[in-house]
Amino acid sequence: MASTPIKLSELAVGASATVLQYPQQDATFLRLREMGLLVGTRVTLVRTAPLGDPLELKVRGYHLTLRKGDAAHILVEPAP
């Protein structure tokens, strides 16, 4: 049974998820696609900054820092 999709910004520290969708037209998200954050990509939330923003993600073997506001626009499916 598949998990309920959530926003990437709601993922718990240490949890993994698969990217389901994100905005297609914004320049920020074009840059993220160029860095390998594509639909179907598995991501892991490594940690958050002390005040909760930004988020550090592990994507395709490297670490990516993403603002929480941007992560709120990315829909993911948590891994079981």
N, C-alpha and C. Protein backbone atom coordinates (compact mmCIF):
# COMPACT_ATOMS: atom_id res chain seq x y z
N MET A 1 0.85 -1.19 0.00
CA MET A 1 0.00 0.00 0.00
C MET A 1 0.88 1.24 0.00
N ALA A 2 0.60 2.19 -0.86
CA ALA A 2 1.38 3.40 -0.98
C ALA A 2 1.07 4.37 0.17
N SER A 3 2.09 5.14 0.53
CA SER A 3 1.91 6.15 1.57
C SER A 3 1.17 7.35 1.00
N THR A 4 0.60 8.15 1.89
CA THR A 4 -0.06 9.38 1.48
C THR A 4 1.00 10.42 1.14
N PRO A 5 0.89 11.08 0.00
CA PRO A 5 1.87 12.12 -0.37
C PRO A 5 1.86 13.27 0.63
N ILE A 6 3.04 13.82 0.88
CA ILE A 6 3.21 14.97 1.77
C ILE A 6 4.13 15.98 1.10
N LYS A 7 4.22 17.16 1.67
CA LYS A 7 5.18 18.16 1.20
C LYS A 7 6.57 17.75 1.69
N LEU A 8 7.58 18.02 0.89
CA LEU A 8 8.95 17.72 1.29
C LEU A 8 9.30 18.44 2.59
N SER A 9 8.76 19.61 2.80
CA SER A 9 9.03 20.38 4.02
C SER A 9 8.48 19.70 5.28
N GLU A 10 7.58 18.72 5.12
CA GLU A 10 6.98 18.01 6.26
C GLU A 10 7.69 16.69 6.57
N LEU A 11 8.68 16.32 5.78
CA LEU A 11 9.40 15.06 5.99
C LEU A 11 10.20 15.12 7.29
N ALA A 12 10.20 14.04 8.04
CA ALA A 12 10.93 13.98 9.31
C ALA A 12 12.43 13.80 9.05
N VAL A 13 13.24 14.33 9.94
CA VAL A 13 14.69 14.17 9.84
C VAL A 13 15.03 12.67 9.85
N GLY A 14 15.87 12.26 8.91
CA GLY A 14 16.27 10.86 8.80
C GLY A 14 15.37 10.03 7.90
N ALA A 15 14.21 10.58 7.54
CA ALA A 15 13.26 9.85 6.69
C ALA A 15 13.61 10.03 5.22
N SER A 16 13.22 9.04 4.42
CA SER A 16 13.42 9.09 2.98
C SER A 16 12.07 9.15 2.28
N ALA A 17 12.09 9.66 1.06
CA ALA A 17 10.86 9.78 0.26
C ALA A 17 11.23 9.82 -1.21
N THR A 18 10.22 9.63 -2.05
CA THR A 18 10.39 9.71 -3.49
C THR A 18 9.63 10.93 -4.00
N VAL A 19 10.28 11.72 -4.84
CA VAL A 19 9.66 12.92 -5.40
C VAL A 19 8.54 12.52 -6.34
N LEU A 20 7.36 13.10 -6.13
CA LEU A 20 6.20 12.83 -6.98
C LEU A 20 5.93 13.96 -7.97
N GLN A 21 5.99 15.20 -7.50
CA GLN A 21 5.75 16.34 -8.39
C GLN A 21 6.23 17.63 -7.76
N TYR A 22 6.47 18.62 -8.61
CA TYR A 22 6.83 19.96 -8.17
C TYR A 22 6.53 20.93 -9.29
N PRO A 23 6.52 22.24 -8.99
CA PRO A 23 6.18 23.22 -10.02
C PRO A 23 7.08 23.10 -11.24
N GLN A 24 6.51 23.25 -12.40
CA GLN A 24 7.25 23.07 -13.65
C GLN A 24 7.81 24.37 -14.23
N GLN A 25 7.30 25.52 -13.84
CA GLN A 25 7.65 26.77 -14.51
C GLN A 25 8.64 27.66 -13.77
N ASP A 26 8.83 27.48 -12.50
CA ASP A 26 9.67 28.37 -11.71
C ASP A 26 11.17 28.12 -11.97
N ALA A 27 11.96 29.18 -12.06
CA ALA A 27 13.39 29.06 -12.32
C ALA A 27 14.11 28.29 -11.22
N THR A 28 13.65 28.45 -9.98
CA THR A 28 14.25 27.71 -8.86
C THR A 28 14.13 26.21 -9.09
N PHE A 29 12.98 25.78 -9.53
CA PHE A 29 12.76 24.34 -9.70
C PHE A 29 13.42 23.82 -10.97
N LEU A 30 13.62 24.69 -11.96
CA LEU A 30 14.40 24.30 -13.13
C LEU A 30 15.83 23.99 -12.70
N ARG A 31 16.37 24.82 -11.83
CA ARG A 31 17.74 24.60 -11.32
C ARG A 31 17.81 23.30 -10.51
N LEU A 32 16.79 23.01 -9.71
CA LEU A 32 16.77 21.78 -8.93
C LEU A 32 16.74 20.56 -9.86
N ARG A 33 15.99 20.63 -10.95
CA ARG A 33 15.96 19.52 -11.91
C ARG A 33 17.34 19.34 -12.54
N GLU A 34 18.01 20.45 -12.84
CA GLU A 34 19.35 20.37 -13.41
C GLU A 34 20.33 19.71 -12.43
N MET A 35 20.07 19.83 -11.13
CA MET A 35 20.93 19.23 -10.11
C MET A 35 20.51 17.80 -9.78
N GLY A 36 19.50 17.26 -10.48
CA GLY A 36 19.14 15.87 -10.30
C GLY A 36 17.92 15.59 -9.47
N LEU A 37 17.24 16.61 -9.00
CA LEU A 37 16.02 16.41 -8.21
C LEU A 37 14.84 16.27 -9.18
N LEU A 38 14.63 15.05 -9.65
CA LEU A 38 13.60 14.76 -10.65
C LEU A 38 12.50 13.92 -10.04
N VAL A 39 11.36 13.89 -10.72
CA VAL A 39 10.27 13.01 -10.30
C VAL A 39 10.81 11.58 -10.30
N GLY A 40 10.55 10.86 -9.22
CA GLY A 40 11.05 9.49 -9.07
C GLY A 40 12.35 9.39 -8.30
N THR A 41 12.98 10.52 -8.02
CA THR A 41 14.25 10.53 -7.28
C THR A 41 13.99 10.32 -5.79
N ARG A 42 14.81 9.49 -5.17
CA ARG A 42 14.72 9.26 -3.73
C ARG A 42 15.56 10.32 -3.01
N VAL A 43 14.99 10.92 -1.99
CA VAL A 43 15.68 11.93 -1.18
C VAL A 43 15.60 11.53 0.30
N THR A 44 16.59 11.94 1.06
CA THR A 44 16.59 11.72 2.51
C THR A 44 16.83 13.06 3.18
N LEU A 45 16.02 13.38 4.18
CA LEU A 45 16.22 14.60 4.94
C LEU A 45 17.30 14.32 5.99
N VAL A 46 18.46 14.92 5.80
CA VAL A 46 19.61 14.68 6.67
C VAL A 46 19.46 15.47 7.97
N ARG A 47 19.16 16.77 7.84
CA ARG A 47 18.98 17.62 9.04
C ARG A 47 18.39 18.95 8.63
N THR A 48 17.96 19.68 9.64
CA THR A 48 17.48 21.04 9.43
C THR A 48 18.38 21.99 10.21
N ALA A 49 18.39 23.23 9.80
CA ALA A 49 19.13 24.25 10.55
C ALA A 49 18.45 24.43 11.90
N PRO A 50 19.14 25.03 12.88
CA PRO A 50 18.57 25.17 14.22
C PRO A 50 17.18 25.80 14.28
N LEU A 51 16.87 26.71 13.39
CA LEU A 51 15.54 27.33 13.39
C LEU A 51 14.60 26.67 12.39
N GLY A 52 15.01 25.53 11.82
CA GLY A 52 14.15 24.77 10.92
C GLY A 52 14.27 25.12 9.45
N ASP A 53 15.11 26.09 9.10
CA ASP A 53 15.25 26.51 7.71
C ASP A 53 16.68 26.96 7.49
N PRO A 54 17.42 26.44 6.54
CA PRO A 54 17.04 25.54 5.45
C PRO A 54 17.10 24.07 5.85
N LEU A 55 16.78 23.21 4.85
CA LEU A 55 16.82 21.77 5.02
C LEU A 55 18.02 21.22 4.26
N GLU A 56 18.66 20.20 4.83
CA GLU A 56 19.75 19.52 4.12
C GLU A 56 19.26 18.16 3.67
N LEU A 57 19.30 17.93 2.36
CA LEU A 57 18.82 16.70 1.76
C LEU A 57 19.96 15.92 1.15
N LYS A 58 19.83 14.61 1.16
CA LYS A 58 20.77 13.77 0.42
C LYS A 58 20.04 13.33 -0.84
N VAL A 59 20.62 13.69 -2.00
CA VAL A 59 20.01 13.42 -3.31
C VAL A 59 21.09 12.83 -4.21
N ARG A 60 20.89 11.62 -4.70
CA ARG A 60 21.82 11.00 -5.65
C ARG A 60 23.27 11.01 -5.17
N GLY A 61 23.48 10.80 -3.87
CA GLY A 61 24.82 10.69 -3.32
C GLY A 61 25.48 12.00 -2.92
N TYR A 62 24.81 13.12 -3.05
CA TYR A 62 25.39 14.38 -2.60
C TYR A 62 24.37 15.10 -1.72
N HIS A 63 24.83 16.13 -1.02
CA HIS A 63 23.97 16.88 -0.12
C HIS A 63 23.55 18.19 -0.78
N LEU A 64 22.27 18.49 -0.66
CA LEU A 64 21.65 19.66 -1.26
C LEU A 64 20.93 20.43 -0.16
N THR A 65 21.16 21.72 -0.09
CA THR A 65 20.46 22.56 0.88
C THR A 65 19.33 23.28 0.17
N LEU A 66 18.15 23.24 0.78
CA LEU A 66 16.96 23.77 0.15
C LEU A 66 16.16 24.57 1.18
N ARG A 67 15.68 25.74 0.77
CA ARG A 67 14.84 26.53 1.67
C ARG A 67 13.53 25.80 1.94
N LYS A 68 13.06 25.92 3.16
CA LYS A 68 11.82 25.25 3.55
C LYS A 68 10.64 25.72 2.71
N GLY A 69 10.62 26.99 2.35
CA GLY A 69 9.55 27.52 1.51
C GLY A 69 9.52 26.87 0.14
N ASP A 70 10.69 26.59 -0.42
CA ASP A 70 10.75 25.90 -1.71
C ASP A 70 10.36 24.43 -1.55
N ALA A 71 10.79 23.82 -0.45
CA ALA A 71 10.47 22.41 -0.20
C ALA A 71 8.97 22.21 -0.02
N ALA A 72 8.26 23.25 0.40
CA ALA A 72 6.82 23.15 0.61
C ALA A 72 6.06 22.97 -0.71
N HIS A 73 6.71 23.27 -1.83
CA HIS A 73 6.07 23.13 -3.15
C HIS A 73 6.36 21.79 -3.81
N ILE A 74 7.17 20.95 -3.16
CA ILE A 74 7.56 19.66 -3.74
C ILE A 74 6.79 18.57 -3.02
N LEU A 75 6.07 17.77 -3.77
CA LEU A 75 5.25 16.69 -3.23
C LEU A 75 6.06 15.39 -3.27
N VAL A 76 6.11 14.68 -2.13
CA VAL A 76 6.86 13.43 -2.05
C VAL A 76 6.01 12.33 -1.45
N GLU A 77 6.44 11.10 -1.69
CA GLU A 77 5.79 9.93 -1.08
C GLU A 77 6.80 9.34 -0.10
N PRO A 78 6.51 9.37 1.20
CA PRO A 78 7.44 8.82 2.19
C PRO A 78 7.70 7.33 1.94
N ALA A 79 8.96 6.94 2.16
CA ALA A 79 9.32 5.52 2.03
C ALA A 79 8.80 4.76 3.24
N PRO A 80 8.42 3.50 3.04
CA PRO A 80 7.91 2.70 4.18
C PRO A 80 8.98 2.43 5.22
